[in-house]
Amino acid sequence: MQEKELREIMLKESEEFKKLYRQHQKFEKELERFKDKSFLTEEEKLKEKELKKKKLALKDRMYFLMREYRRSH
């Protein structure tokens, strides 16, 4: 099963995965705002770094759930 297929299944079957995915997408959109700027203040740099860490933690959790799903099916 391909990653994209598994993600679609997980989005339908797992509320936790769906919640993590939505939050991940939200952080991605917030990070896009920083990419569009030519200059970031120190506060914005810190916020960007924080968002990247949170987004990565969400991704790690989603991949863990996907691995668990694969093992059980």
N, C-alpha and C. Protein backbone atom coordinates (compact mmCIF):
# COMPACT_ATOMS: atom_id res chain seq x y z
N MET A 1 0.84 -1.18 0.00
CA MET A 1 0.00 0.00 0.00
C MET A 1 0.89 1.25 0.00
N GLN A 2 0.58 2.15 -0.89
CA GLN A 2 1.34 3.39 -1.00
C GLN A 2 0.99 4.34 0.15
N GLU A 3 1.92 5.24 0.44
CA GLU A 3 1.72 6.19 1.54
C GLU A 3 0.47 7.03 1.34
N LYS A 4 0.25 7.49 0.13
CA LYS A 4 -0.92 8.34 -0.15
C LYS A 4 -2.22 7.58 0.11
N GLU A 5 -2.25 6.33 -0.32
CA GLU A 5 -3.44 5.51 -0.10
C GLU A 5 -3.69 5.30 1.39
N LEU A 6 -2.63 4.99 2.10
CA LEU A 6 -2.74 4.77 3.54
C LEU A 6 -3.21 6.03 4.25
N ARG A 7 -2.67 7.17 3.85
CA ARG A 7 -3.09 8.44 4.45
C ARG A 7 -4.58 8.66 4.26
N GLU A 8 -5.09 8.38 3.06
CA GLU A 8 -6.52 8.55 2.78
C GLU A 8 -7.36 7.63 3.66
N ILE A 9 -6.92 6.40 3.83
CA ILE A 9 -7.63 5.45 4.69
C ILE A 9 -7.62 5.94 6.13
N MET A 10 -6.46 6.38 6.58
CA MET A 10 -6.34 6.85 7.96
C MET A 10 -7.20 8.08 8.21
N LEU A 11 -7.29 8.96 7.22
CA LEU A 11 -8.13 10.15 7.39
C LEU A 11 -9.60 9.77 7.54
N LYS A 12 -10.01 8.69 6.94
CA LYS A 12 -11.40 8.24 7.04
C LYS A 12 -11.66 7.46 8.33
N GLU A 13 -10.65 6.70 8.78
CA GLU A 13 -10.88 5.75 9.87
C GLU A 13 -10.39 6.20 11.24
N SER A 14 -9.47 7.14 11.29
CA SER A 14 -8.87 7.51 12.58
C SER A 14 -9.10 8.99 12.89
N GLU A 15 -9.85 9.24 13.95
CA GLU A 15 -10.08 10.62 14.37
C GLU A 15 -8.79 11.28 14.83
N GLU A 16 -7.94 10.53 15.51
CA GLU A 16 -6.67 11.08 15.97
C GLU A 16 -5.81 11.50 14.77
N PHE A 17 -5.72 10.63 13.78
CA PHE A 17 -4.93 10.93 12.59
C PHE A 17 -5.50 12.16 11.88
N LYS A 18 -6.81 12.20 11.76
CA LYS A 18 -7.47 13.34 11.09
C LYS A 18 -7.16 14.65 11.81
N LYS A 19 -7.21 14.61 13.13
CA LYS A 19 -6.91 15.81 13.93
C LYS A 19 -5.45 16.24 13.73
N LEU A 20 -4.54 15.28 13.78
CA LEU A 20 -3.12 15.58 13.57
C LEU A 20 -2.87 16.15 12.18
N TYR A 21 -3.51 15.55 11.19
CA TYR A 21 -3.34 15.98 9.80
C TYR A 21 -3.83 17.42 9.62
N ARG A 22 -4.99 17.72 10.18
CA ARG A 22 -5.52 19.09 10.07
C ARG A 22 -4.60 20.10 10.73
N GLN A 23 -4.09 19.75 11.91
CA GLN A 23 -3.17 20.66 12.60
C GLN A 23 -1.88 20.84 11.79
N HIS A 24 -1.39 19.76 11.21
CA HIS A 24 -0.19 19.81 10.37
C HIS A 24 -0.42 20.77 9.20
N GLN A 25 -1.58 20.66 8.56
CA GLN A 25 -1.91 21.54 7.44
C GLN A 25 -2.00 23.00 7.89
N LYS A 26 -2.56 23.22 9.07
CA LYS A 26 -2.67 24.57 9.62
C LYS A 26 -1.28 25.19 9.82
N PHE A 27 -0.37 24.40 10.40
CA PHE A 27 0.99 24.89 10.60
C PHE A 27 1.67 25.16 9.27
N GLU A 28 1.41 24.32 8.29
CA GLU A 28 2.01 24.52 6.95
C GLU A 28 1.56 25.86 6.37
N LYS A 29 0.28 26.17 6.50
CA LYS A 29 -0.24 27.44 5.99
C LYS A 29 0.38 28.62 6.73
N GLU A 30 0.53 28.48 8.04
CA GLU A 30 1.15 29.56 8.82
C GLU A 30 2.61 29.76 8.40
N LEU A 31 3.30 28.67 8.13
CA LEU A 31 4.70 28.78 7.70
C LEU A 31 4.81 29.42 6.32
N GLU A 32 3.83 29.21 5.47
CA GLU A 32 3.83 29.83 4.14
C GLU A 32 3.86 31.35 4.24
N ARG A 33 3.20 31.89 5.24
CA ARG A 33 3.20 33.34 5.44
C ARG A 33 4.62 33.86 5.66
N PHE A 34 5.41 33.10 6.40
CA PHE A 34 6.79 33.52 6.65
C PHE A 34 7.65 33.41 5.40
N LYS A 35 7.39 32.41 4.58
CA LYS A 35 8.17 32.23 3.34
C LYS A 35 7.95 33.39 2.38
N ASP A 36 6.77 33.99 2.42
CA ASP A 36 6.44 35.09 1.51
C ASP A 36 7.11 36.40 1.90
N LYS A 37 7.59 36.48 3.11
CA LYS A 37 8.21 37.72 3.58
C LYS A 37 9.68 37.75 3.20
N SER A 38 10.16 38.94 2.88
CA SER A 38 11.57 39.08 2.53
C SER A 38 12.43 39.27 3.78
N PHE A 39 11.79 39.67 4.87
CA PHE A 39 12.51 39.89 6.12
C PHE A 39 11.64 39.44 7.29
N LEU A 40 12.26 38.72 8.23
CA LEU A 40 11.54 38.29 9.42
C LEU A 40 12.12 38.99 10.65
N THR A 41 11.23 39.44 11.52
CA THR A 41 11.69 40.01 12.79
C THR A 41 12.18 38.85 13.66
N GLU A 42 12.83 39.17 14.74
CA GLU A 42 13.30 38.12 15.66
C GLU A 42 12.13 37.30 16.20
N GLU A 43 11.05 38.00 16.51
CA GLU A 43 9.85 37.31 17.01
C GLU A 43 9.29 36.35 15.96
N GLU A 44 9.28 36.80 14.72
CA GLU A 44 8.79 35.94 13.63
C GLU A 44 9.71 34.74 13.40
N LYS A 45 11.01 34.96 13.53
CA LYS A 45 11.96 33.85 13.39
C LYS A 45 11.72 32.79 14.46
N LEU A 46 11.49 33.25 15.69
CA LEU A 46 11.21 32.31 16.78
C LEU A 46 9.90 31.56 16.53
N LYS A 47 8.89 32.29 16.10
CA LYS A 47 7.60 31.67 15.81
C LYS A 47 7.74 30.63 14.69
N GLU A 48 8.49 30.98 13.64
CA GLU A 48 8.71 30.06 12.54
C GLU A 48 9.41 28.79 13.02
N LYS A 49 10.41 28.95 13.84
CA LYS A 49 11.15 27.80 14.37
C LYS A 49 10.24 26.92 15.23
N GLU A 50 9.42 27.55 16.04
CA GLU A 50 8.47 26.83 16.90
C GLU A 50 7.46 26.04 16.06
N LEU A 51 6.94 26.68 15.03
CA LEU A 51 5.98 26.02 14.14
C LEU A 51 6.60 24.82 13.43
N LYS A 52 7.83 24.97 13.00
CA LYS A 52 8.52 23.86 12.32
C LYS A 52 8.69 22.67 13.26
N LYS A 53 9.03 22.94 14.51
CA LYS A 53 9.20 21.86 15.48
C LYS A 53 7.86 21.17 15.74
N LYS A 54 6.81 21.96 15.92
CA LYS A 54 5.49 21.39 16.18
C LYS A 54 5.00 20.57 14.98
N LYS A 55 5.23 21.10 13.79
CA LYS A 55 4.81 20.41 12.56
C LYS A 55 5.55 19.08 12.43
N LEU A 56 6.83 19.07 12.73
CA LEU A 56 7.61 17.84 12.66
C LEU A 56 7.13 16.81 13.68
N ALA A 57 6.79 17.28 14.87
CA ALA A 57 6.27 16.36 15.90
C ALA A 57 4.96 15.74 15.44
N LEU A 58 4.10 16.52 14.80
CA LEU A 58 2.84 15.99 14.28
C LEU A 58 3.11 14.95 13.19
N LYS A 59 4.04 15.26 12.33
CA LYS A 59 4.37 14.33 11.24
C LYS A 59 4.90 13.02 11.80
N ASP A 60 5.77 13.11 12.80
CA ASP A 60 6.29 11.91 13.45
C ASP A 60 5.16 11.06 14.02
N ARG A 61 4.22 11.70 14.68
CA ARG A 61 3.09 10.97 15.27
C ARG A 61 2.22 10.33 14.19
N MET A 62 1.99 11.06 13.09
CA MET A 62 1.19 10.50 11.99
C MET A 62 1.88 9.29 11.39
N TYR A 63 3.18 9.35 11.21
CA TYR A 63 3.91 8.21 10.65
C TYR A 63 3.89 7.03 11.61
N PHE A 64 3.94 7.31 12.91
CA PHE A 64 3.84 6.24 13.89
C PHE A 64 2.48 5.54 13.76
N LEU A 65 1.41 6.33 13.67
CA LEU A 65 0.07 5.76 13.53
C LEU A 65 -0.05 4.94 12.23
N MET A 66 0.56 5.42 11.18
CA MET A 66 0.52 4.70 9.90
C MET A 66 1.27 3.37 10.01
N ARG A 67 2.40 3.37 10.69
CA ARG A 67 3.14 2.11 10.88
C ARG A 67 2.32 1.13 11.70
N GLU A 68 1.67 1.63 12.74
CA GLU A 68 0.83 0.76 13.58
C GLU A 68 -0.33 0.19 12.77
N TYR A 69 -0.91 1.00 11.92
CA TYR A 69 -2.01 0.54 11.08
C TYR A 69 -1.54 -0.57 10.15
N ARG A 70 -0.38 -0.36 9.54
CA ARG A 70 0.17 -1.38 8.63
C ARG A 70 0.41 -2.71 9.35
N ARG A 71 0.92 -2.62 10.56
CA ARG A 71 1.20 -3.83 11.34
C ARG A 71 -0.08 -4.61 11.66
N SER A 72 -1.14 -3.88 11.90
CA SER A 72 -2.37 -4.55 12.34
C SER A 72 -3.29 -4.97 11.19
N HIS A 73 -2.93 -4.59 9.96
CA HIS A 73 -3.79 -4.94 8.81
C HIS A 73 -3.03 -5.71 7.77
